[in-house]
Amino acid sequence: MQMAQFKENHEYIGSPCVKICKYKKDFMDGNVCIGCFREQFEITNWVKMSNSEKQLAIEDAKERKKEFLKNHV
């Protein structure tokens, strides 16, 4: 059982995982899941990341998703 992580205001930051783990070799060298748009490092280390690191990862994932949709749809 994982311990809940909390922001400074004690809000839970859940994983953005959507249970669709897929990678495309032609998108960011195959290092980004095209389900949640996190890098492999972010996925594997999510439970160890600080709240500010998680927030940055989520913002980065949003940008990666925009890039993916612009070039792969």
PDB file of N, CA and C in Angstrom:
ATOM      1  N   MET A   1       0.850  -1.196   0.000  1.00  0.00           N
ATOM      2  CA  MET A   1       0.000   0.000   0.000  1.00  0.00           C
ATOM      3  C   MET A   1       0.884   1.244   0.000  1.00  0.00           C
ATOM      4  N   GLN A   2       0.588   2.166  -0.919  1.00  0.00           N
ATOM      5  CA  GLN A   2       1.386   3.373  -1.031  1.00  0.00           C
ATOM      6  C   GLN A   2       0.882   4.421  -0.052  1.00  0.00           C
ATOM      7  N   MET A   3       1.825   5.166   0.490  1.00  0.00           N
ATOM      8  CA  MET A   3       1.439   6.276   1.348  1.00  0.00           C
ATOM      9  C   MET A   3       1.031   7.447   0.467  1.00  0.00           C
ATOM     10  N   ALA A   4       0.048   8.180   0.867  1.00  0.00           N
ATOM     11  CA  ALA A   4      -0.425   9.329   0.091  1.00  0.00           C
ATOM     12  C   ALA A   4       0.614  10.440   0.136  1.00  0.00           C
ATOM     13  N   GLN A   5       0.800  11.107  -1.008  1.00  0.00           N
ATOM     14  CA  GLN A   5       1.668  12.261  -1.040  1.00  0.00           C
ATOM     15  C   GLN A   5       0.811  13.519  -1.004  1.00  0.00           C
ATOM     16  N   PHE A   6       1.341  14.555  -0.390  1.00  0.00           N
ATOM     17  CA  PHE A   6       0.562  15.761  -0.203  1.00  0.00           C
ATOM     18  C   PHE A   6       1.341  16.984  -0.642  1.00  0.00           C
ATOM     19  N   LYS A   7       0.628  17.956  -1.212  1.00  0.00           N
ATOM     20  CA  LYS A   7       1.203  19.255  -1.528  1.00  0.00           C
ATOM     21  C   LYS A   7       1.401  20.004  -0.213  1.00  0.00           C
ATOM     22  N   GLU A   8       1.979  21.184  -0.322  1.00  0.00           N
ATOM     23  CA  GLU A   8       2.175  22.000   0.862  1.00  0.00           C
ATOM     24  C   GLU A   8       0.851  22.270   1.585  1.00  0.00           C
ATOM     25  N   ASN A   9      -0.238  22.367   0.838  1.00  0.00           N
ATOM     26  CA  ASN A   9      -1.536  22.595   1.460  1.00  0.00           C
ATOM     27  C   ASN A   9      -2.242  21.270   1.767  1.00  0.00           C
ATOM     28  N   HIS A  10      -1.460  20.174   1.787  1.00  0.00           N
ATOM     29  CA  HIS A  10      -1.929  18.838   2.170  1.00  0.00           C
ATOM     30  C   HIS A  10      -2.921  18.223   1.196  1.00  0.00           C
ATOM     31  N   GLU A  11      -2.907  18.675  -0.041  1.00  0.00           N
ATOM     32  CA  GLU A  11      -3.758  18.093  -1.071  1.00  0.00           C
ATOM     33  C   GLU A  11      -3.050  16.888  -1.677  1.00  0.00           C
ATOM     34  N   TYR A  12      -3.760  15.815  -1.911  1.00  0.00           N
ATOM     35  CA  TYR A  12      -3.192  14.604  -2.494  1.00  0.00           C
ATOM     36  C   TYR A  12      -2.846  14.827  -3.959  1.00  0.00           C
ATOM     37  N   ILE A  13      -1.676  14.383  -4.379  1.00  0.00           N
ATOM     38  CA  ILE A  13      -1.283  14.444  -5.787  1.00  0.00           C
ATOM     39  C   ILE A  13      -1.255  13.009  -6.294  1.00  0.00           C
ATOM     40  N   GLY A  14      -2.276  12.629  -7.015  1.00  0.00           N
ATOM     41  CA  GLY A  14      -2.364  11.274  -7.544  1.00  0.00           C
ATOM     42  C   GLY A  14      -1.560  11.108  -8.813  1.00  0.00           C
ATOM     43  N   SER A  15      -1.284   9.881  -9.152  1.00  0.00           N
ATOM     44  CA  SER A  15      -0.568   9.574 -10.382  1.00  0.00           C
ATOM     45  C   SER A  15      -1.462   9.879 -11.584  1.00  0.00           C
ATOM     46  N   PRO A  16      -0.886  10.480 -12.639  1.00  0.00           N
ATOM     47  CA  PRO A  16      -1.663  10.744 -13.846  1.00  0.00           C
ATOM     48  C   PRO A  16      -1.792   9.522 -14.759  1.00  0.00           C
ATOM     49  N   CYS A  17      -1.387   8.364 -14.275  1.00  0.00           N
ATOM     50  CA  CYS A  17      -1.451   7.141 -15.066  1.00  0.00           C
ATOM     51  C   CYS A  17      -2.884   6.863 -15.511  1.00  0.00           C
ATOM     52  N   VAL A  18      -3.031   6.498 -16.798  1.00  0.00           N
ATOM     53  CA  VAL A  18      -4.358   6.181 -17.341  1.00  0.00           C
ATOM     54  C   VAL A  18      -4.477   4.698 -17.700  1.00  0.00           C
ATOM     55  N   LYS A  19      -3.493   3.902 -17.246  1.00  0.00           N
ATOM     56  CA  LYS A  19      -3.482   2.446 -17.448  1.00  0.00           C
ATOM     57  C   LYS A  19      -3.412   2.057 -18.928  1.00  0.00           C
ATOM     58  N   ILE A  20      -2.830   2.935 -19.748  1.00  0.00           N
ATOM     59  CA  ILE A  20      -2.599   2.647 -21.160  1.00  0.00           C
ATOM     60  C   ILE A  20      -1.123   2.942 -21.408  1.00  0.00           C
ATOM     61  N   CYS A  21      -0.268   1.987 -21.148  1.00  0.00           N
ATOM     62  CA  CYS A  21       1.176   2.191 -21.271  1.00  0.00           C
ATOM     63  C   CYS A  21       1.638   1.796 -22.665  1.00  0.00           C
ATOM     64  N   LYS A  22       1.874   2.807 -23.488  1.00  0.00           N
ATOM     65  CA  LYS A  22       2.330   2.578 -24.857  1.00  0.00           C
ATOM     66  C   LYS A  22       3.408   3.599 -25.190  1.00  0.00           C
ATOM     67  N   TYR A  23       4.316   3.178 -26.038  1.00  0.00           N
ATOM     68  CA  TYR A  23       5.420   4.040 -26.450  1.00  0.00           C
ATOM     69  C   TYR A  23       5.528   4.013 -27.967  1.00  0.00           C
ATOM     70  N   LYS A  24       5.920   5.145 -28.557  1.00  0.00           N
ATOM     71  CA  LYS A  24       6.161   5.217 -30.000  1.00  0.00           C
ATOM     72  C   LYS A  24       7.622   5.616 -30.185  1.00  0.00           C
ATOM     73  N   LYS A  25       8.336   4.830 -30.948  1.00  0.00           N
ATOM     74  CA  LYS A  25       9.761   5.089 -31.155  1.00  0.00           C
ATOM     75  C   LYS A  25      10.014   6.452 -31.789  1.00  0.00           C
ATOM     76  N   ASP A  26       9.067   6.932 -32.601  1.00  0.00           N
ATOM     77  CA  ASP A  26       9.273   8.205 -33.283  1.00  0.00           C
ATOM     78  C   ASP A  26       8.817   9.416 -32.466  1.00  0.00           C
ATOM     79  N   PHE A  27       8.413   9.200 -31.222  1.00  0.00           N
ATOM     80  CA  PHE A  27       8.037  10.325 -30.349  1.00  0.00           C
ATOM     81  C   PHE A  27       8.957  10.336 -29.135  1.00  0.00           C
ATOM     82  N   MET A  28       9.786  11.363 -29.053  1.00  0.00           N
ATOM     83  CA  MET A  28      10.725  11.551 -27.949  1.00  0.00           C
ATOM     84  C   MET A  28      11.573  10.302 -27.709  1.00  0.00           C
ATOM     85  N   ASP A  29      12.043   9.730 -28.808  1.00  0.00           N
ATOM     86  CA  ASP A  29      12.921   8.547 -28.779  1.00  0.00           C
ATOM     87  C   ASP A  29      12.322   7.357 -28.033  1.00  0.00           C
ATOM     88  N   GLY A  30      11.005   7.290 -27.961  1.00  0.00           N
ATOM     89  CA  GLY A  30      10.348   6.163 -27.311  1.00  0.00           C
ATOM     90  C   GLY A  30      10.442   6.182 -25.799  1.00  0.00           C
ATOM     91  N   ASN A  31      10.806   7.324 -25.219  1.00  0.00           N
ATOM     92  CA  ASN A  31      10.976   7.424 -23.761  1.00  0.00           C
ATOM     93  C   ASN A  31       9.773   8.025 -23.044  1.00  0.00           C
ATOM     94  N   VAL A  32       8.699   8.282 -23.776  1.00  0.00           N
ATOM     95  CA  VAL A  32       7.513   8.906 -23.181  1.00  0.00           C
ATOM     96  C   VAL A  32       6.299   8.023 -23.433  1.00  0.00           C
ATOM     97  N   CYS A  33       5.558   7.733 -22.382  1.00  0.00           N
ATOM     98  CA  CYS A  33       4.323   6.961 -22.506  1.00  0.00           C
ATOM     99  C   CYS A  33       3.281   7.835 -23.200  1.00  0.00           C
ATOM    100  N   ILE A  34       2.632   7.298 -24.232  1.00  0.00           N
ATOM    101  CA  ILE A  34       1.614   8.094 -24.925  1.00  0.00           C
ATOM    102  C   ILE A  34       0.227   7.886 -24.319  1.00  0.00           C
ATOM    103  N   GLY A  35       0.187   7.297 -23.136  1.00  0.00           N
ATOM    104  CA  GLY A  35      -1.050   7.227 -22.365  1.00  0.00           C
ATOM    105  C   GLY A  35      -1.116   8.411 -21.398  1.00  0.00           C
ATOM    106  N   CYS A  36      -0.048   8.578 -20.601  1.00  0.00           N
ATOM    107  CA  CYS A  36      -0.013   9.659 -19.601  1.00  0.00           C
ATOM    108  C   CYS A  36       0.984  10.757 -19.967  1.00  0.00           C
ATOM    109  N   PHE A  37       1.833  10.503 -20.979  1.00  0.00           N
ATOM    110  CA  PHE A  37       2.819  11.454 -21.480  1.00  0.00           C
ATOM    111  C   PHE A  37       3.907  11.809 -20.477  1.00  0.00           C
ATOM    112  N   ARG A  38       4.188  10.864 -19.574  1.00  0.00           N
ATOM    113  CA  ARG A  38       5.324  11.038 -18.672  1.00  0.00           C
ATOM    114  C   ARG A  38       6.521  10.278 -19.220  1.00  0.00           C
ATOM    115  N   GLU A  39       7.704  10.779 -18.885  1.00  0.00           N
ATOM    116  CA  GLU A  39       8.930  10.079 -19.245  1.00  0.00           C
ATOM    117  C   GLU A  39       9.066   8.841 -18.364  1.00  0.00           C
ATOM    118  N   GLN A  40       9.819   7.870 -18.830  1.00  0.00           N
ATOM    119  CA  GLN A  40       9.995   6.638 -18.067  1.00  0.00           C
ATOM    120  C   GLN A  40      10.528   6.924 -16.668  1.00  0.00           C
ATOM    121  N   PHE A  41      11.449   7.862 -16.547  1.00  0.00           N
ATOM    122  CA  PHE A  41      11.997   8.228 -15.236  1.00  0.00           C
ATOM    123  C   PHE A  41      10.894   8.716 -14.298  1.00  0.00           C
ATOM    124  N   GLU A  42       9.996   9.548 -14.822  1.00  0.00           N
ATOM    125  CA  GLU A  42       8.909  10.090 -13.999  1.00  0.00           C
ATOM    126  C   GLU A  42       7.951   8.988 -13.556  1.00  0.00           C
ATOM    127  N   ILE A  43       7.698   8.039 -14.440  1.00  0.00           N
ATOM    128  CA  ILE A  43       6.797   6.928 -14.111  1.00  0.00           C
ATOM    129  C   ILE A  43       7.400   6.067 -13.004  1.00  0.00           C
ATOM    130  N   THR A  44       8.666   5.688 -13.190  1.00  0.00           N
ATOM    131  CA  THR A  44       9.292   4.776 -12.224  1.00  0.00           C
ATOM    132  C   THR A  44       9.544   5.426 -10.881  1.00  0.00           C
ATOM    133  N   ASN A  45       9.763   6.720 -10.870  1.00  0.00           N
ATOM    134  CA  ASN A  45      10.119   7.396  -9.624  1.00  0.00           C
ATOM    135  C   ASN A  45       8.987   8.211  -9.011  1.00  0.00           C
ATOM    136  N   TRP A  46       7.775   8.070  -9.527  1.00  0.00           N
ATOM    137  CA  TRP A  46       6.650   8.889  -9.072  1.00  0.00           C
ATOM    138  C   TRP A  46       6.495   8.885  -7.553  1.00  0.00           C
ATOM    139  N   VAL A  47       6.533   7.728  -6.932  1.00  0.00           N
ATOM    140  CA  VAL A  47       6.299   7.652  -5.479  1.00  0.00           C
ATOM    141  C   VAL A  47       7.430   8.281  -4.675  1.00  0.00           C
ATOM    142  N   LYS A  48       8.605   8.448  -5.284  1.00  0.00           N
ATOM    143  CA  LYS A  48       9.757   9.045  -4.602  1.00  0.00           C
ATOM    144  C   LYS A  48       9.862  10.545  -4.832  1.00  0.00           C
ATOM    145  N   MET A  49       9.116  11.049  -5.806  1.00  0.00           N
ATOM    146  CA  MET A  49       9.237  12.457  -6.189  1.00  0.00           C
ATOM    147  C   MET A  49       8.582  13.374  -5.164  1.00  0.00           C
ATOM    148  N   SER A  50       9.165  14.559  -5.017  1.00  0.00           N
ATOM    149  CA  SER A  50       8.560  15.568  -4.151  1.00  0.00           C
ATOM    150  C   SER A  50       7.302  16.107  -4.824  1.00  0.00           C
ATOM    151  N   ASN A  51       6.493  16.794  -4.057  1.00  0.00           N
ATOM    152  CA  ASN A  51       5.260  17.352  -4.617  1.00  0.00           C
ATOM    153  C   ASN A  51       5.535  18.364  -5.717  1.00  0.00           C
ATOM    154  N   SER A  52       6.554  19.185  -5.547  1.00  0.00           N
ATOM    155  CA  SER A  52       6.865  20.162  -6.594  1.00  0.00           C
ATOM    156  C   SER A  52       7.387  19.454  -7.849  1.00  0.00           C
ATOM    157  N   GLU A  53       8.146  18.364  -7.678  1.00  0.00           N
ATOM    158  CA  GLU A  53       8.591  17.593  -8.837  1.00  0.00           C
ATOM    159  C   GLU A  53       7.397  16.966  -9.561  1.00  0.00           C
ATOM    160  N   LYS A  54       6.432  16.473  -8.822  1.00  0.00           N
ATOM    161  CA  LYS A  54       5.232  15.889  -9.438  1.00  0.00           C
ATOM    162  C   LYS A  54       4.453  16.947 -10.216  1.00  0.00           C
ATOM    163  N   GLN A  55       4.327  18.112  -9.642  1.00  0.00           N
ATOM    164  CA  GLN A  55       3.611  19.188 -10.326  1.00  0.00           C
ATOM    165  C   GLN A  55       4.323  19.565 -11.628  1.00  0.00           C
ATOM    166  N   LEU A  56       5.648  19.629 -11.599  1.00  0.00           N
ATOM    167  CA  LEU A  56       6.409  19.928 -12.814  1.00  0.00           C
ATOM    168  C   LEU A  56       6.251  18.815 -13.842  1.00  0.00           C
ATOM    169  N   ALA A  57       6.273  17.566 -13.394  1.00  0.00           N
ATOM    170  CA  ALA A  57       6.099  16.430 -14.303  1.00  0.00           C
ATOM    171  C   ALA A  57       4.735  16.483 -14.979  1.00  0.00           C
ATOM    172  N   ILE A  58       3.707  16.844 -14.236  1.00  0.00           N
ATOM    173  CA  ILE A  58       2.358  16.943 -14.800  1.00  0.00           C
ATOM    174  C   ILE A  58       2.292  18.060 -15.840  1.00  0.00           C
ATOM    175  N   GLU A  59       2.914  19.198 -15.536  1.00  0.00           N
ATOM    176  CA  GLU A  59       2.937  20.300 -16.503  1.00  0.00           C
ATOM    177  C   GLU A  59       3.718  19.903 -17.759  1.00  0.00           C
ATOM    178  N   ASP A  60       4.857  19.237 -17.568  1.00  0.00           N
ATOM    179  CA  ASP A  60       5.638  18.770 -18.717  1.00  0.00           C
ATOM    180  C   ASP A  60       4.842  17.772 -19.545  1.00  0.00           C
ATOM    181  N   ALA A  61       4.118  16.885 -18.890  1.00  0.00           N
ATOM    182  CA  ALA A  61       3.312  15.884 -19.596  1.00  0.00           C
ATOM    183  C   ALA A  61       2.237  16.560 -20.449  1.00  0.00           C
ATOM    184  N   LYS A  62       1.652  17.632 -19.961  1.00  0.00           N
ATOM    185  CA  LYS A  62       0.648  18.370 -20.740  1.00  0.00           C
ATOM    186  C   LYS A  62       1.262  18.931 -22.012  1.00  0.00           C
ATOM    187  N   GLU A  63       2.482  19.464 -21.893  1.00  0.00           N
ATOM    188  CA  GLU A  63       3.169  20.001 -23.073  1.00  0.00           C
ATOM    189  C   GLU A  63       3.529  18.891 -24.048  1.00  0.00           C
ATOM    190  N   ARG A  64       3.980  17.758 -23.534  1.00  0.00           N
ATOM    191  CA  ARG A  64       4.310  16.621 -24.404  1.00  0.00           C
ATOM    192  C   ARG A  64       3.070  16.130 -25.149  1.00  0.00           C
ATOM    193  N   LYS A  65       1.942  16.116 -24.464  1.00  0.00           N
ATOM    194  CA  LYS A  65       0.699  15.666 -25.097  1.00  0.00           C
ATOM    195  C   LYS A  65       0.327  16.603 -26.244  1.00  0.00           C
ATOM    196  N   LYS A  66       0.447  17.911 -26.029  1.00  0.00           N
ATOM    197  CA  LYS A  66       0.161  18.884 -27.093  1.00  0.00           C
ATOM    198  C   LYS A  66       1.058  18.629 -28.298  1.00  0.00           C
ATOM    199  N   GLU A  67       2.342  18.411 -28.031  1.00  0.00           N
ATOM    200  CA  GLU A  67       3.299  18.145 -29.103  1.00  0.00           C
ATOM    201  C   GLU A  67       2.952  16.867 -29.852  1.00  0.00           C
ATOM    202  N   PHE A  68       2.601  15.841 -29.112  1.00  0.00           N
ATOM    203  CA  PHE A  68       2.239  14.565 -29.723  1.00  0.00           C
ATOM    204  C   PHE A  68       0.995  14.718 -30.611  1.00  0.00           C
ATOM    205  N   LEU A  69      -0.024  15.370 -30.097  1.00  0.00           N
ATOM    206  CA  LEU A  69      -1.269  15.528 -30.858  1.00  0.00           C
ATOM    207  C   LEU A  69      -1.062  16.383 -32.110  1.00  0.00           C
ATOM    208  N   LYS A  70      -0.186  17.346 -32.002  1.00  0.00           N
ATOM    209  CA  LYS A  70       0.113  18.217 -33.152  1.00  0.00           C
ATOM    210  C   LYS A  70       0.800  17.439 -34.278  1.00  0.00           C
ATOM    211  N   ASN A  71       1.626  16.474 -33.926  1.00  0.00           N
ATOM    212  CA  ASN A  71       2.433  15.782 -34.930  1.00  0.00           C
ATOM    213  C   ASN A  71       2.012  14.342 -35.237  1.00  0.00           C
ATOM    214  N   HIS A  72       1.115  13.754 -34.468  1.00  0.00           N
ATOM    215  CA  HIS A  72       0.796  12.344 -34.651  1.00  0.00           C
ATOM    216  C   HIS A  72      -0.692  12.039 -34.826  1.00  0.00           C
ATOM    217  N   VAL A  73      -1.487  13.053 -34.997  1.00  0.00           N
ATOM    218  CA  VAL A  73      -2.929  12.781 -35.171  1.00  0.00           C
ATOM    219  C   VAL A  73      -3.368  13.205 -36.550  1.00  0.00           C
TER     220      VAL A  73
END
